[in-house]
Protein backbone atom coordinates (compact mmCIF):
# COMPACT_ATOMS: atom_id res chain seq x y z
CA MET A 1 9.94 20.68 44.74
CA ARG A 2 13.04 19.23 43.53
CA ARG A 3 13.72 21.33 40.25
CA VAL A 4 13.35 24.37 42.56
CA VAL A 5 15.85 22.98 45.07
CA THR A 6 17.85 22.72 41.73
CA SER A 7 17.27 26.01 40.69
CA LEU A 8 17.93 27.94 43.91
CA PHE A 9 21.36 26.35 44.29
CA CYS A 10 22.36 27.44 40.69
CA ILE A 11 21.22 31.04 41.75
CA LEU A 12 23.54 30.54 45.28
CA LEU A 13 26.16 29.29 43.14
CA LEU A 14 26.14 31.79 40.61
CA LEU A 15 25.85 34.55 42.90
CA PHE A 16 28.49 33.28 45.27
CA LEU A 17 31.29 32.96 41.81
CA GLY A 18 30.06 36.93 41.01
CA VAL A 19 31.21 38.23 44.51
CA GLY A 20 34.60 36.37 43.94
CA ALA A 21 35.42 37.97 40.38
CA SER A 22 34.51 40.94 41.60
CA ARG A 23 36.73 40.61 44.82
CA ALA A 24 39.76 39.52 41.99
CA ASP A 25 39.27 42.41 40.15
CA GLN A 26 39.64 44.93 42.95
CA GLU A 27 43.18 43.53 43.53
CA PHE A 28 44.50 43.55 39.63
CA GLU A 29 44.22 47.22 38.42
CA ASP A 30 45.29 46.72 34.54
CA ASN A 31 46.76 50.20 32.96
CA VAL A 32 47.38 51.42 36.08
CA ASP A 33 50.33 52.61 37.41
CA ARG A 34 50.88 53.95 41.36
CA PRO A 35 53.86 56.12 41.14
CA GLY A 36 55.63 57.01 45.01
CA GLY A 37 55.86 55.30 48.05
CA ASP A 38 58.62 53.37 46.83
CA TYR A 39 60.70 51.11 49.24
CA LYS A 40 61.63 48.08 47.41
CA ASN A 41 61.83 46.65 43.69
CA PHE A 42 63.14 44.10 41.59
CA ASP A 43 63.25 42.18 38.26
CA LEU A 44 61.23 39.48 37.45
CA ASN A 45 62.15 36.86 35.71
CA ASP A 46 59.77 35.47 32.38
CA PRO A 47 57.43 32.31 34.11
CA THR A 48 58.78 29.10 33.18
CA PRO A 49 56.38 26.96 30.37
CA GLY A 50 53.32 25.19 32.73
CA SER A 51 54.19 27.15 35.97
CA PHE A 52 51.08 28.45 37.56
CA GLY A 53 51.02 32.37 37.28
CA GLY A 54 53.25 34.72 36.18
CA PRO A 55 55.48 37.73 36.93
CA VAL A 56 52.41 40.00 37.87
CA ASP A 57 51.10 37.35 40.41
CA ALA A 58 55.33 37.45 41.51
CA CYS A 59 54.84 40.89 42.47
CA ARG A 60 51.35 40.59 43.83
CA ILE A 61 52.62 37.75 46.24
CA GLN A 62 55.26 39.51 47.47
CA CYS A 63 53.56 42.71 48.68
CA GLU A 64 50.92 40.19 50.27
CA GLN A 65 53.64 38.62 52.27
CA ASP A 66 55.76 41.22 53.36
CA GLY A 67 53.89 43.48 56.11
CA ALA A 68 55.00 46.77 55.15
CA CYS A 69 53.84 46.66 51.52
CA ARG A 70 50.57 48.63 51.10
CA ALA A 71 50.41 48.72 47.51
CA TRP A 72 52.66 47.45 44.47
CA THR A 73 53.23 48.24 40.82
CA PHE A 74 54.24 45.95 38.14
CA VAL A 75 56.14 47.40 35.24
CA LYS A 76 55.87 45.18 32.21
CA LYS A 77 59.53 44.12 30.81
CA GLY A 78 61.23 46.41 28.12
CA VAL A 79 59.41 49.62 29.76
CA GLN A 80 62.66 49.83 32.38
CA GLY A 81 64.92 47.21 31.26
CA PRO A 82 64.57 43.50 29.68
CA LYS A 83 62.80 42.25 32.51
CA ALA A 84 59.43 43.09 34.38
CA ARG A 85 59.94 44.93 37.74
CA CYS A 86 58.22 44.75 40.56
CA TRP A 87 57.87 48.09 42.97
CA LEU A 88 56.46 47.68 46.49
CA LYS A 89 55.30 50.83 48.29
CA THR A 90 54.84 51.72 51.87
CA ALA A 91 51.54 53.84 50.75
CA ILE A 92 48.95 53.84 48.75
CA PRO A 93 49.83 56.75 45.74
CA ASN A 94 46.94 57.90 43.41
CA ALA A 95 46.61 55.70 40.61
CA VAL A 96 47.25 56.95 37.39
CA ARG A 97 46.09 55.61 33.66
CA ASN A 98 49.14 53.93 31.93
CA GLY A 99 49.78 51.21 29.57
CA CYS A 100 53.07 50.30 31.21
CA CYS A 101 51.77 49.02 34.09
CA THR A 102 49.27 46.73 36.51
CA SER A 103 49.12 47.92 40.15
CA GLY A 104 47.50 46.16 43.17
CA VAL A 105 46.64 47.46 47.03
CA PRO A 106 46.31 44.11 48.95
CA ALA A 107 43.64 43.20 50.98
CA ARG A 108 43.84 42.55 54.21
CA SER A 109 42.28 41.55 57.82
CA PHE A 110 42.94 44.58 59.35
CA GLU A 111 43.91 47.64 57.56
CA ALA A 112 44.48 50.83 59.72
CA GLY A 113 44.07 54.13 57.84
CA ILE A 114 42.37 52.72 55.35
CA ASP A 115 38.82 53.56 54.28
CA ARG A 116 37.02 51.11 51.75
CA PRO A 117 34.19 53.46 50.41
CA GLY A 118 31.25 51.70 48.92
CA GLY A 119 29.23 48.66 48.86
CA ASP A 120 27.60 49.29 51.94
CA TYR A 121 24.37 46.87 53.06
CA LYS A 122 24.35 47.93 56.67
CA ASN A 123 25.48 50.85 58.81
CA PHE A 124 24.95 50.94 62.96
CA ASP A 125 26.91 53.01 65.83
CA LEU A 126 29.34 51.03 67.85
CA PRO A 127 29.08 51.07 71.83
CA ALA A 128 33.08 51.57 71.81
CA ALA A 129 35.57 52.76 69.46
CA ASP A 130 37.06 49.36 68.73
CA ALA A 131 37.97 48.62 65.08
CA ASN A 132 37.74 44.88 66.00
CA LEU A 133 33.91 45.15 67.18
CA CYS A 134 33.10 46.10 63.81
CA GLY A 135 35.58 43.29 62.17
CA SER A 136 33.87 40.59 64.54
CA ALA A 137 30.13 41.75 63.54
CA CYS A 138 31.49 41.41 59.48
CA ASN A 139 32.46 37.93 60.26
CA GLY A 140 29.04 37.15 62.23
CA GLU A 141 27.35 37.83 58.71
CA ASN A 142 27.91 34.56 57.39
CA ALA A 143 28.74 34.78 53.76
CA LEU A 144 26.82 38.42 53.43
CA CYS A 145 29.67 40.40 54.32
CA ARG A 146 33.08 40.86 52.40
CA ALA A 147 34.59 43.96 53.92
CA TRP A 148 34.06 46.24 56.58
CA THR A 149 35.21 49.70 57.56
CA PHE A 150 35.29 51.42 61.09
CA VAL A 151 35.09 54.84 61.30
CA ARG A 152 36.04 56.43 64.35
CA PRO A 153 33.96 58.69 66.87
CA GLY A 154 33.85 62.33 66.24
CA VAL A 155 34.31 61.98 61.93
CA GLN A 156 30.33 60.60 61.30
CA GLY A 157 28.68 61.80 65.02
CA PRO A 158 29.65 61.54 68.11
CA LYS A 159 29.60 57.81 68.23
CA PRO A 160 32.03 55.21 66.33
CA ARG A 161 30.38 53.95 63.51
CA CYS A 162 30.42 50.37 61.55
CA TRP A 163 29.79 49.89 57.95
CA LEU A 164 29.04 46.41 56.19
CA LYS A 165 30.18 45.59 52.59
CA ASN A 166 28.70 43.35 50.46
CA THR A 167 31.82 43.94 47.68
CA VAL A 168 35.31 44.82 48.56
CA PRO A 169 35.43 48.21 47.18
CA PRO A 170 38.42 50.21 46.54
CA ALA A 171 41.18 50.98 49.45
CA ALA A 172 41.39 54.80 50.20
CA VAL A 173 43.97 56.01 52.62
CA ASN A 174 42.50 57.97 55.34
CA ASP A 175 42.98 58.02 59.15
CA CYS A 176 39.31 57.94 59.73
CA CYS A 177 39.21 54.74 59.80
CA THR A 178 40.09 51.25 59.93
CA SER A 179 38.69 48.91 57.47
CA GLY A 180 39.34 44.77 56.62
CA VAL A 181 38.63 42.20 54.20
CA LEU A 182 37.13 38.63 55.05
CA GLY A 183 38.73 35.73 53.25
CA PRO A 184 41.38 35.38 50.40
CA ILE A 185 41.29 37.00 47.34
CA VAL A 186 40.07 34.85 44.55
CA HIS A 187 41.91 34.86 41.22
């Protein structure tokens, strides 16, 4: 019996770690530029030896801490000057393959005007047009629900609809929806 419990614990741990890894992959888009929507840009210094993270993390963190930032692009040093450069964006521009850059869209607990299509495991009508009801439903699913999307009434039928997700799909701009991501992104 003890061996079965230990094996079950190991399987659950691996599943949990797998979800965390996919969430981290979602946030960093290697070799992707998101041109346009810029409102702020600045040079980034090289990390000091032994410091945590690096210039890509510094760019990501600046965006996550700025409420106006909807996406970011890190440009490698030597491309736009001798230092790496960070571009913060008020929109989520289309992703373009480019080896110059790493981009990302910060995952937030409440994302008005954002759809996160995919990763659905449950969907249902809501009694009222309140995106918070969908977020609360996701939060009540324990560790199964990682993200959610609320669809306003009239888009997928006469009632508002809630989609619960067991992954964190890429964000897409769409006024049909409000989405959210539970918990911090793991790096």
